[in-house]
Amino acid sequence: MAGRARQRLPERLRKRAEFLAVRRGTRRRGPFFLLEVLERGDANPPRLGITVTKKVGNAVERNRIRRRLREAVRVHAAGDMAPGTDYVIVGRREILDAPFSALKDELSRRFRGKKPARTG
């Protein structure tokens, strides 16, 4: 990575209670994932949690989904996260087949709260 500063992931949600608290917020559905958003009302940095249910696949597939999501947030979408907000990404199986650029763009769009452009 010559010439580019290494970006970092936002702070993580770690406890089950933190994940459950975010469920009270709004939901933004997308083709690859569900994004749950809770505005905490403070100026602290954003926090992120990633979860993939067992319905999606075996442990290898779930871990691949988590790794793809983490990397997409790190390299592209972390700057679109608002301070004082908690995010939980619930990954879907479609992430495994999606082009990485499409995943990055969808994450950025959902973090900003915009709907995808309609075609047709």
C-alpha atoms as a PDB file:
ATOM      1  CA  MET A   1       0.000   0.000   0.000  1.00  0.00           C
ATOM      2  CA  ALA A   2       2.487   2.556  -1.139  1.00  0.00           C
ATOM      3  CA  GLY A   3       1.318   6.140  -0.730  1.00  0.00           C
ATOM      4  CA  ARG A   4      -1.868   5.387   1.185  1.00  0.00           C
ATOM      5  CA  ALA A   5      -2.392   5.535   4.914  1.00  0.00           C
ATOM      6  CA  ARG A   6      -3.856   2.366   6.371  1.00  0.00           C
ATOM      7  CA  GLN A   7      -7.441   2.973   7.385  1.00  0.00           C
ATOM      8  CA  ARG A   8      -8.832   1.488  10.552  1.00  0.00           C
ATOM      9  CA  LEU A   9     -12.108  -0.111  11.375  1.00  0.00           C
ATOM     10  CA  PRO A  10     -14.466   1.784  13.667  1.00  0.00           C
ATOM     11  CA  GLU A  11     -14.824   0.688  17.270  1.00  0.00           C
ATOM     12  CA  ARG A  12     -16.569  -2.654  17.677  1.00  0.00           C
ATOM     13  CA  LEU A  13     -19.775  -3.631  19.398  1.00  0.00           C
ATOM     14  CA  ARG A  14     -18.795  -6.554  21.610  1.00  0.00           C
ATOM     15  CA  LYS A  15     -21.597  -7.385  24.026  1.00  0.00           C
ATOM     16  CA  ARG A  16     -24.903  -8.999  23.199  1.00  0.00           C
ATOM     17  CA  ALA A  17     -26.721  -6.172  24.973  1.00  0.00           C
ATOM     18  CA  GLU A  18     -25.101  -3.651  22.600  1.00  0.00           C
ATOM     19  CA  PHE A  19     -26.255  -5.646  19.561  1.00  0.00           C
ATOM     20  CA  LEU A  20     -29.776  -5.920  20.974  1.00  0.00           C
ATOM     21  CA  ALA A  21     -29.899  -2.181  21.698  1.00  0.00           C
ATOM     22  CA  VAL A  22     -29.231  -1.400  18.030  1.00  0.00           C
ATOM     23  CA  ARG A  23     -32.308  -3.434  17.058  1.00  0.00           C
ATOM     24  CA  ARG A  24     -34.427  -0.595  18.503  1.00  0.00           C
ATOM     25  CA  GLY A  25     -33.132   1.695  15.743  1.00  0.00           C
ATOM     26  CA  THR A  26     -33.943   1.853  12.060  1.00  0.00           C
ATOM     27  CA  ARG A  27     -33.368  -0.892   9.497  1.00  0.00           C
ATOM     28  CA  ARG A  28     -31.967  -0.411   6.018  1.00  0.00           C
ATOM     29  CA  ARG A  29     -32.434  -3.449   3.816  1.00  0.00           C
ATOM     30  CA  GLY A  30     -30.158  -4.153   0.902  1.00  0.00           C
ATOM     31  CA  PRO A  31     -29.509  -7.005  -1.517  1.00  0.00           C
ATOM     32  CA  PHE A  32     -26.422  -8.234   0.366  1.00  0.00           C
ATOM     33  CA  PHE A  33     -27.155  -7.400   3.996  1.00  0.00           C
ATOM     34  CA  LEU A  34     -29.481  -5.803   6.523  1.00  0.00           C
ATOM     35  CA  LEU A  35     -28.100  -2.716   8.244  1.00  0.00           C
ATOM     36  CA  GLU A  36     -29.492  -1.783  11.670  1.00  0.00           C
ATOM     37  CA  VAL A  37     -28.725   1.769  12.786  1.00  0.00           C
ATOM     38  CA  LEU A  38     -29.104   3.399  16.207  1.00  0.00           C
ATOM     39  CA  GLU A  39     -28.219   7.023  16.832  1.00  0.00           C
ATOM     40  CA  ARG A  40     -26.815   7.252  20.361  1.00  0.00           C
ATOM     41  CA  GLY A  41     -27.026  11.037  20.575  1.00  0.00           C
ATOM     42  CA  ASP A  42     -23.406  11.694  21.496  1.00  0.00           C
ATOM     43  CA  ALA A  43     -20.298  12.802  19.583  1.00  0.00           C
ATOM     44  CA  ASN A  44     -18.255   9.644  20.202  1.00  0.00           C
ATOM     45  CA  PRO A  45     -16.896   7.664  17.246  1.00  0.00           C
ATOM     46  CA  PRO A  46     -19.227   5.264  15.424  1.00  0.00           C
ATOM     47  CA  ARG A  47     -19.324   1.618  16.485  1.00  0.00           C
ATOM     48  CA  LEU A  48     -19.841  -1.416  14.271  1.00  0.00           C
ATOM     49  CA  GLY A  49     -21.027  -4.970  14.819  1.00  0.00           C
ATOM     50  CA  ILE A  50     -21.149  -7.701  12.178  1.00  0.00           C
ATOM     51  CA  THR A  51     -23.226 -10.837  12.524  1.00  0.00           C
ATOM     52  CA  VAL A  52     -24.042 -13.738  10.231  1.00  0.00           C
ATOM     53  CA  THR A  53     -26.631 -16.303  11.287  1.00  0.00           C
ATOM     54  CA  LYS A  54     -26.191 -20.052  11.011  1.00  0.00           C
ATOM     55  CA  LYS A  55     -28.948 -20.131   8.378  1.00  0.00           C
ATOM     56  CA  VAL A  56     -26.481 -18.583   5.928  1.00  0.00           C
ATOM     57  CA  GLY A  57     -24.080 -21.524   5.834  1.00  0.00           C
ATOM     58  CA  ASN A  58     -21.316 -23.363   7.599  1.00  0.00           C
ATOM     59  CA  ALA A  59     -18.588 -21.693   9.669  1.00  0.00           C
ATOM     60  CA  VAL A  60     -16.224 -21.289   6.710  1.00  0.00           C
ATOM     61  CA  GLU A  61     -18.850 -19.427   4.666  1.00  0.00           C
ATOM     62  CA  ARG A  62     -19.948 -17.265   7.595  1.00  0.00           C
ATOM     63  CA  ASN A  63     -16.347 -16.270   8.319  1.00  0.00           C
ATOM     64  CA  ARG A  64     -15.743 -15.424   4.647  1.00  0.00           C
ATOM     65  CA  ILE A  65     -18.816 -13.173   4.722  1.00  0.00           C
ATOM     66  CA  ARG A  66     -17.579 -11.435   7.880  1.00  0.00           C
ATOM     67  CA  ARG A  67     -14.096 -10.934   6.411  1.00  0.00           C
ATOM     68  CA  ARG A  68     -15.490  -9.441   3.185  1.00  0.00           C
ATOM     69  CA  LEU A  69     -17.720  -7.059   5.159  1.00  0.00           C
ATOM     70  CA  ARG A  70     -14.912  -5.962   7.474  1.00  0.00           C
ATOM     71  CA  GLU A  71     -12.573  -5.266   4.565  1.00  0.00           C
ATOM     72  CA  ALA A  72     -15.223  -3.345   2.604  1.00  0.00           C
ATOM     73  CA  VAL A  73     -15.876  -1.150   5.641  1.00  0.00           C
ATOM     74  CA  ARG A  74     -12.151  -0.650   6.283  1.00  0.00           C
ATOM     75  CA  VAL A  75     -11.089   0.317   2.759  1.00  0.00           C
ATOM     76  CA  HIS A  76     -14.128   2.214   1.617  1.00  0.00           C
ATOM     77  CA  ALA A  77     -17.165   2.764   3.807  1.00  0.00           C
ATOM     78  CA  ALA A  78     -15.777   3.733   7.249  1.00  0.00           C
ATOM     79  CA  GLY A  79     -15.721   7.404   6.246  1.00  0.00           C
ATOM     80  CA  ASP A  80     -19.467   7.329   5.585  1.00  0.00           C
ATOM     81  CA  MET A  81     -20.318   6.330   9.162  1.00  0.00           C
ATOM     82  CA  ALA A  82     -21.765   9.111  11.306  1.00  0.00           C
ATOM     83  CA  PRO A  83     -20.320   9.919  14.747  1.00  0.00           C
ATOM     84  CA  GLY A  84     -22.540   8.964  17.673  1.00  0.00           C
ATOM     85  CA  THR A  85     -24.101   6.063  15.776  1.00  0.00           C
ATOM     86  CA  ASP A  86     -24.058   2.296  16.238  1.00  0.00           C
ATOM     87  CA  TYR A  87     -24.315   0.008  13.200  1.00  0.00           C
ATOM     88  CA  VAL A  88     -24.987  -3.732  13.011  1.00  0.00           C
ATOM     89  CA  ILE A  89     -24.561  -5.484   9.663  1.00  0.00           C
ATOM     90  CA  VAL A  90     -26.440  -8.770   9.290  1.00  0.00           C
ATOM     91  CA  GLY A  91     -24.743 -10.529   6.385  1.00  0.00           C
ATOM     92  CA  ARG A  92     -26.503 -12.613   3.755  1.00  0.00           C
ATOM     93  CA  ARG A  93     -25.213 -15.417   1.552  1.00  0.00           C
ATOM     94  CA  GLU A  94     -25.303 -13.154  -1.558  1.00  0.00           C
ATOM     95  CA  ILE A  95     -22.156 -11.419  -0.290  1.00  0.00           C
ATOM     96  CA  LEU A  96     -20.093 -14.450  -1.305  1.00  0.00           C
ATOM     97  CA  ASP A  97     -20.957 -14.042  -4.996  1.00  0.00           C
ATOM     98  CA  ALA A  98     -21.123 -10.248  -5.140  1.00  0.00           C
ATOM     99  CA  PRO A  99     -18.333  -8.243  -6.782  1.00  0.00           C
ATOM    100  CA  PHE A 100     -16.312  -6.472  -4.108  1.00  0.00           C
ATOM    101  CA  SER A 101     -16.894  -3.070  -5.733  1.00  0.00           C
ATOM    102  CA  ALA A 102     -20.670  -3.588  -5.564  1.00  0.00           C
ATOM    103  CA  LEU A 103     -20.410  -4.563  -1.902  1.00  0.00           C
ATOM    104  CA  LYS A 104     -18.356  -1.439  -1.090  1.00  0.00           C
ATOM    105  CA  ASP A 105     -20.772   0.838  -2.918  1.00  0.00           C
ATOM    106  CA  GLU A 106     -23.817  -0.704  -1.246  1.00  0.00           C
ATOM    107  CA  LEU A 107     -22.248  -0.340   2.216  1.00  0.00           C
ATOM    108  CA  SER A 108     -21.430   3.323   1.603  1.00  0.00           C
ATOM    109  CA  ARG A 109     -24.912   4.017   0.292  1.00  0.00           C
ATOM    110  CA  ARG A 110     -26.595   2.327   3.271  1.00  0.00           C
ATOM    111  CA  PHE A 111     -24.332   4.056   5.824  1.00  0.00           C
ATOM    112  CA  ARG A 112     -25.262   7.412   4.281  1.00  0.00           C
ATOM    113  CA  GLY A 113     -28.942   6.379   4.390  1.00  0.00           C
ATOM    114  CA  LYS A 114     -29.629   6.761   0.675  1.00  0.00           C
ATOM    115  CA  LYS A 115     -31.828   4.524  -1.404  1.00  0.00           C
ATOM    116  CA  PRO A 116     -30.331   2.877  -4.487  1.00  0.00           C
ATOM    117  CA  ALA A 117     -31.027   4.527  -7.831  1.00  0.00           C
ATOM    118  CA  ARG A 118     -33.895   2.963  -9.764  1.00  0.00           C
ATOM    119  CA  THR A 119     -33.231   1.782 -13.288  1.00  0.00           C
ATOM    120  CA  GLY A 120     -35.881   1.498 -15.938  1.00  0.00           C
END
